[in-house]
Protein backbone atom coordinates (compact mmCIF):
# COMPACT_ATOMS: atom_id res chain seq x y z
CA MET A 1 120.73 99.09 -30.33
CA ALA A 2 122.97 98.62 -33.23
CA ASP A 3 125.51 101.37 -31.73
CA LYS A 4 125.16 99.61 -28.48
CA ILE A 5 126.34 96.35 -29.83
CA ASP A 6 128.83 98.14 -31.86
CA LYS A 7 130.48 99.72 -28.68
CA GLN A 8 130.26 96.10 -26.79
CA LYS A 9 132.05 94.71 -29.55
CA GLU A 10 134.77 97.24 -29.62
CA LYS A 11 135.07 97.16 -25.85
CA LEU A 12 135.58 93.35 -26.22
CA LYS A 13 138.25 93.78 -28.83
CA GLU A 14 140.19 96.08 -26.57
CA LYS A 15 140.20 93.45 -24.02
CA ARG A 16 141.70 90.93 -26.34
CA GLU A 17 144.70 93.09 -27.19
CA PRO A 18 147.60 91.42 -25.15
CA TYR A 19 149.52 94.60 -24.37
CA ALA A 20 146.50 96.96 -23.26
CA ASN A 21 143.70 97.58 -20.86
CA TYR A 22 144.75 95.06 -18.23
CA PRO A 23 146.60 96.23 -15.06
CA ARG A 24 150.50 96.21 -15.51
CA PRO A 25 153.19 96.20 -12.92
CA PRO A 26 154.36 97.87 -10.75
CA PHE A 27 151.63 96.83 -8.21
CA PRO A 28 151.23 97.94 -4.50
CA LYS A 29 153.22 95.99 -1.83
CA GLN A 30 151.02 93.49 -0.32
CA LYS A 31 151.05 90.70 1.82
CA GLN A 32 147.91 88.56 2.86
CA GLU A 33 147.44 85.50 5.06
CA TYR A 34 147.44 82.21 2.73
CA PRO A 35 145.41 81.51 0.76
CA GLY A 36 144.17 84.83 0.77
CA ILE A 37 141.11 86.46 -0.86
CA GLU A 38 140.04 88.62 -3.87
CA SER A 39 138.36 91.56 -1.86
CA LYS A 40 141.86 92.60 -0.58
CA MET A 41 144.05 92.34 -3.71
CA LYS A 42 145.11 95.90 -5.46
CA PRO A 43 144.14 95.93 -8.10
CA LEU A 44 141.36 93.59 -8.14
CA ALA A 45 141.43 90.37 -10.57
CA ASP A 46 138.75 90.00 -13.63
CA HIS A 47 137.47 86.88 -13.70
CA GLY A 48 135.23 87.53 -16.86
CA GLN A 49 132.30 88.55 -14.64
CA GLU A 50 131.36 91.42 -16.90
CA SER A 51 132.83 90.15 -19.95
CA TYR A 52 132.31 86.50 -20.75
CA GLN A 53 129.17 85.44 -22.72
CA GLY A 54 128.30 81.82 -23.17
CA SER A 55 127.20 79.91 -26.17
CA GLY A 56 125.58 76.37 -24.75
CA LYS A 57 128.98 74.55 -24.89
CA LEU A 58 128.51 72.70 -21.78
CA VAL A 59 124.54 72.45 -21.35
CA GLY A 60 123.76 69.52 -19.37
CA LYS A 61 126.88 69.09 -18.18
CA LYS A 62 128.06 68.68 -14.52
CA ALA A 63 131.54 69.59 -13.29
CA ILE A 64 133.96 69.66 -10.27
CA ILE A 65 136.23 72.51 -9.76
CA THR A 66 139.05 72.30 -6.86
CA GLY A 67 139.96 75.74 -5.89
CA GLY A 68 136.95 77.21 -7.58
CA ASP A 69 136.10 79.86 -4.96
CA SER A 70 138.79 82.59 -6.33
CA GLY A 71 141.54 82.96 -9.34
CA ILE A 72 141.46 80.74 -12.21
CA GLY A 73 138.89 78.52 -10.78
CA LYS A 74 136.36 81.31 -10.15
CA ALA A 75 136.64 82.29 -13.81
CA VAL A 76 136.27 78.88 -14.91
CA ALA A 77 133.34 78.40 -12.56
CA ILE A 78 131.59 81.49 -14.05
CA ALA A 79 132.50 80.50 -17.99
CA PHE A 80 131.26 76.91 -17.28
CA ALA A 81 127.80 78.31 -15.49
CA ARG A 82 127.52 80.83 -18.46
CA GLU A 83 128.18 77.99 -20.96
CA GLY A 84 125.10 75.88 -19.22
CA ALA A 85 126.88 73.81 -16.68
CA ASP A 86 125.84 72.78 -13.27
CA VAL A 87 129.32 73.14 -11.02
CA LEU A 88 130.42 71.92 -7.70
CA ILE A 89 133.20 74.34 -6.28
CA SER A 90 135.67 73.13 -3.74
CA TYR A 91 137.67 75.48 -1.65
CA LEU A 92 139.57 75.11 1.49
CA ASN A 93 138.55 76.98 4.47
CA ASP A 94 136.57 79.82 5.96
CA LEU A 95 138.71 82.39 5.04
CA GLU A 96 138.00 81.74 1.51
CA ASP A 97 133.96 81.61 2.39
CA GLU A 98 133.31 85.05 1.06
CA ASP A 99 134.93 84.44 -2.34
CA ALA A 100 133.20 80.95 -2.59
CA PHE A 101 129.64 82.37 -2.20
CA ASP A 102 130.30 85.23 -4.49
CA THR A 103 131.46 82.82 -7.16
CA ALA A 104 128.40 80.50 -6.19
CA ASP A 105 126.42 83.91 -6.84
CA TYR A 106 127.91 84.31 -10.53
CA VAL A 107 126.80 80.58 -10.99
CA ARG A 108 123.58 80.78 -9.84
CA LYS A 109 122.77 84.09 -11.73
CA ALA A 110 123.71 82.25 -14.67
CA GLY A 111 121.13 80.08 -14.28
CA SER A 112 123.34 76.88 -13.22
CA LYS A 113 123.07 74.93 -10.01
CA CYS A 114 126.28 75.42 -7.71
CA VAL A 115 127.14 73.33 -4.57
CA LEU A 116 129.84 74.39 -2.21
CA VAL A 117 132.04 72.19 -0.46
CA LYS A 118 134.84 73.12 2.09
CA GLY A 119 137.51 71.13 2.87
CA ASP A 120 141.17 69.77 2.91
CA ILE A 121 141.76 68.04 -0.61
CA THR A 122 145.12 66.34 0.87
CA LYS A 123 142.86 64.11 2.65
CA GLU A 124 141.56 61.19 0.51
CA ALA A 125 138.50 60.80 2.36
CA HIS A 126 137.29 64.35 1.81
CA CYS A 127 138.19 63.92 -2.01
CA GLN A 128 135.86 61.03 -2.04
CA GLN A 129 133.12 62.85 -0.10
CA MET A 130 133.23 65.42 -2.55
CA VAL A 131 132.67 62.94 -5.46
CA LYS A 132 129.79 61.41 -3.74
CA LYS A 133 128.32 64.84 -2.99
CA ALA A 134 128.55 65.65 -6.72
CA VAL A 135 126.92 62.29 -7.98
CA LYS A 136 124.26 62.93 -5.27
CA GLU A 137 123.46 66.69 -6.49
CA PHE A 138 124.00 66.41 -10.07
CA GLY A 139 123.53 62.56 -10.77
CA GLN A 140 126.63 62.56 -12.90
CA ILE A 141 130.25 64.06 -13.54
CA ASP A 142 131.20 65.29 -16.97
CA ILE A 143 134.14 67.43 -16.36
CA LEU A 144 136.46 67.21 -13.66
CA VAL A 145 139.01 70.43 -13.40
CA ASN A 146 141.74 69.95 -10.88
CA ASN A 147 142.70 73.35 -10.34
CA ALA A 148 143.54 73.89 -6.50
CA ALA A 149 147.40 74.45 -5.94
CA PHE A 150 149.90 75.63 -3.24
CA HIS A 151 153.50 77.36 -3.58
CA MET A 152 155.34 79.38 -1.32
CA ALA A 153 158.46 81.27 -2.50
CA ARG A 154 161.89 80.21 -0.93
CA GLU A 155 165.01 81.46 -2.20
CA LYS A 156 167.24 78.48 -1.22
CA ILE A 157 166.35 74.67 -0.95
CA GLU A 158 167.74 75.04 2.71
CA ASP A 159 164.82 77.13 3.26
CA ILE A 160 162.09 75.06 2.44
CA PRO A 161 160.56 73.04 5.19
CA THR A 162 160.29 69.29 4.90
CA LYS A 163 156.75 69.66 5.99
CA GLU A 164 156.17 72.27 3.31
CA TRP A 165 157.78 70.32 0.56
CA LEU A 166 155.59 67.50 1.38
CA HIS A 167 152.40 69.63 1.64
CA THR A 168 153.05 70.86 -1.99
CA PHE A 169 153.15 67.48 -3.28
CA ALA A 170 150.21 66.61 -1.15
CA VAL A 171 148.04 69.68 -2.67
CA ASN A 172 149.26 69.56 -6.05
CA VAL A 173 149.72 65.96 -6.98
CA HIS A 174 148.23 63.58 -4.36
CA ALA A 175 144.91 65.25 -4.42
CA ILE A 176 144.51 65.18 -8.46
CA TYR A 177 145.41 61.20 -8.03
CA TYR A 178 142.34 61.00 -5.35
CA LEU A 179 140.05 63.05 -7.11
CA CYS A 180 140.64 61.34 -10.77
CA LYS A 181 140.62 57.96 -8.75
CA ALA A 182 137.16 58.87 -7.17
CA ALA A 183 135.51 60.32 -10.02
CA LEU A 184 136.18 58.08 -12.98
CA PRO A 185 133.80 55.15 -12.31
CA HIS A 186 131.09 58.09 -12.49
CA MET A 187 132.45 59.82 -15.83
CA LYS A 188 130.94 58.31 -18.91
CA PRO A 189 132.38 58.59 -22.35
CA GLY A 190 132.68 62.27 -23.59
CA SER A 191 133.59 63.44 -20.27
CA SER A 192 137.00 65.19 -19.68
CA ILE A 193 139.36 65.70 -17.13
CA ILE A 194 141.43 69.09 -16.75
CA ASN A 195 144.31 69.71 -14.90
CA THR A 196 146.01 72.89 -14.08
CA THR A 197 149.68 72.86 -14.68
CA SER A 198 152.07 76.06 -15.17
CA VAL A 199 154.73 77.59 -17.20
CA ASN A 200 156.95 76.36 -14.27
CA THR A 201 156.88 73.06 -15.78
CA SER A 202 159.44 73.94 -18.89
CA ASP A 203 160.60 77.33 -17.40
CA PRO A 204 160.77 76.87 -13.63
CA SER A 205 161.15 79.68 -11.19
CA ILE A 206 164.06 79.61 -9.09
CA GLU A 207 162.00 80.61 -6.04
CA LEU A 208 159.46 77.87 -6.65
CA LEU A 209 161.42 74.67 -6.56
CA PRO A 210 158.77 72.01 -5.10
CA TYR A 211 155.87 73.98 -6.86
CA ALA A 212 157.84 73.59 -10.13
CA ALA A 213 158.47 69.95 -9.60
CA THR A 214 154.78 69.04 -8.59
CA LYS A 215 153.74 70.96 -11.77
CA ALA A 216 155.95 68.81 -14.01
CA ALA A 217 154.63 65.51 -12.16
CA VAL A 218 150.83 66.85 -13.39
CA GLU A 219 152.01 67.38 -16.70
CA ASN A 220 153.35 63.79 -16.90
CA PHE A 221 150.44 62.51 -15.02
CA THR A 222 148.01 64.08 -17.60
CA ALA A 223 149.66 62.78 -20.39
CA ASN A 224 150.06 59.35 -18.84
CA LEU A 225 146.56 58.97 -17.70
CA SER A 226 145.24 59.87 -21.07
CA GLN A 227 147.09 57.37 -22.72
CA ILE A 228 145.62 54.82 -20.21
CA LEU A 229 141.99 55.63 -20.80
CA LEU A 230 142.33 56.08 -24.50
CA THR A 231 143.85 52.18 -24.53
CA GLN A 232 140.96 51.11 -22.31
CA ALA A 233 138.36 52.73 -24.69
CA LYS A 234 137.09 54.79 -21.90
CA GLY A 235 136.17 57.37 -24.11
CA ILE A 236 137.24 60.28 -21.31
CA ARG A 237 139.72 63.07 -22.50
CA VAL A 238 142.57 63.77 -20.34
CA ASN A 239 144.21 67.58 -20.75
CA ALA A 240 145.98 70.22 -18.94
CA VAL A 241 146.09 73.89 -19.19
CA ALA A 242 149.52 75.47 -18.16
CA PRO A 243 149.22 79.15 -16.96
CA GLY A 244 151.86 81.75 -17.01
CA PRO A 245 151.70 84.33 -14.02
CA VAL A 246 148.30 84.98 -13.16
CA TRP A 247 147.15 87.67 -10.73
CA THR A 248 145.31 85.69 -8.13
CA PRO A 249 145.11 85.68 -4.21
CA LEU A 250 147.89 82.82 -4.30
CA ILE A 251 150.39 85.33 -5.29
CA THR A 252 149.45 88.02 -2.74
CA SER A 253 149.60 85.36 -0.17
CA THR A 254 152.90 83.44 -0.79
CA LYS A 255 155.31 85.72 -2.96
CA ALA A 256 156.28 88.43 -0.38
CA GLY A 257 157.85 91.26 -2.24
CA SER A 258 157.22 89.98 -5.68
CA ALA A 259 153.87 91.75 -6.27
CA PRO A 260 155.20 94.86 -7.36
CA THR A 261 156.78 93.42 -10.42
CA PHE A 262 154.85 90.27 -10.88
CA GLY A 263 154.09 89.08 -14.37
CA GLU A 264 156.87 91.64 -15.35
CA ASN A 265 158.71 88.53 -17.01
CA THR A 266 156.44 87.86 -19.73
CA PRO A 267 156.67 89.34 -23.09
CA THR A 268 153.32 91.06 -22.71
CA GLY A 269 154.80 92.62 -19.70
CA ARG A 270 151.89 91.94 -17.46
CA PRO A 271 150.42 88.76 -15.48
CA GLY A 272 147.37 87.30 -16.79
CA GLN A 273 144.14 87.75 -15.67
CA PRO A 274 141.72 84.56 -14.51
CA ALA A 275 139.18 85.77 -17.15
CA GLU A 276 142.22 84.91 -19.97
CA LEU A 277 142.50 81.41 -18.76
CA ALA A 278 138.76 80.42 -18.63
CA SER A 279 137.98 80.08 -22.44
CA ALA A 280 140.90 77.25 -22.41
CA PHE A 281 139.40 75.08 -20.33
CA VAL A 282 135.78 75.64 -21.85
CA PHE A 283 137.14 74.47 -25.24
CA LEU A 284 138.96 71.22 -23.56
CA ALA A 285 135.59 70.42 -21.58
CA SER A 286 133.44 70.96 -24.49
CA ASP A 287 132.90 68.41 -27.38
CA GLU A 288 134.82 70.96 -29.70
CA GLY A 289 137.65 69.24 -28.32
CA SER A 290 136.85 65.64 -29.12
CA TYR A 291 140.13 65.06 -30.77
CA ILE A 292 142.22 66.50 -28.12
CA SER A 293 143.87 64.29 -25.16
CA GLY A 294 146.87 64.58 -23.20
CA ALA A 295 147.67 67.59 -24.35
CA THR A 296 148.72 70.81 -22.32
CA ILE A 297 147.39 74.16 -23.48
CA PRO A 298 150.13 76.87 -22.71
CA VAL A 299 148.32 80.52 -21.86
CA THR A 300 151.47 82.14 -20.35
CA GLY A 301 151.48 85.75 -21.85
CA GLY A 302 154.06 84.75 -24.49
CA ARG A 303 156.50 82.75 -22.06
CA ILE A 304 157.96 79.93 -24.34
CA THR A 305 156.78 76.10 -23.13
CA ILE A 306 158.95 73.95 -25.39
């Protein structure tokens, strides 16, 4: 038994070494229909399903995670469940059913309750119904993770359709407003809102103009809402996580031609895996982050965010 534990520790130690053990570019050229699915990615992403070990940090808590079917949201859902939280997973459409069911299976195997809600978060009525569903199923909301996002790579501003510009803001900004507004009346002191921003807030990609603009808005929204709730003595913390390039279906369905070199522009020379983001969300959701509000934690593979 001791030898087995030592081998497991050594394996985890190797995982934590930033330059090794995870896939590095070049990757195979690949293109999926938006929003993409996990099983068609080459290589497959790591969501911590084989490695994340919980320690009871979120026992009794109830969470909503948008975009929880795949990518970062999937890794967060698995980690939250293994820390003891029940989870409502929001996702877009039928194309993502396979990923959503797979994530729900991991959540349930961890002993946690999982509720799946499919639909368009750009519609305020849908966001309101999602919150009502969470309250009905769980009786409370302790954690709201606004993670779902959209981007599409375009080389020139002239190439960005107006409809696409508006849609990017609708998914990445307006939905967060809808969900926070609907969820806050059901969140008690000690609750936590976590928004996913991006390294593009401070180091914007020239091919992601609308996306970078929305993520800057999300970071400002995070800081501002945090101050509002602190001033009102609500006892609810609002923070953000800023990922660098992370290997998710969004990349293979929106950045045509870029997959072979994706993540190469980080000091670590590779994209992050969703599993490497999960612990930041767990920390901000847990009581261990009780003195942190209005902050953005960068998880960027070394890309600087100051």
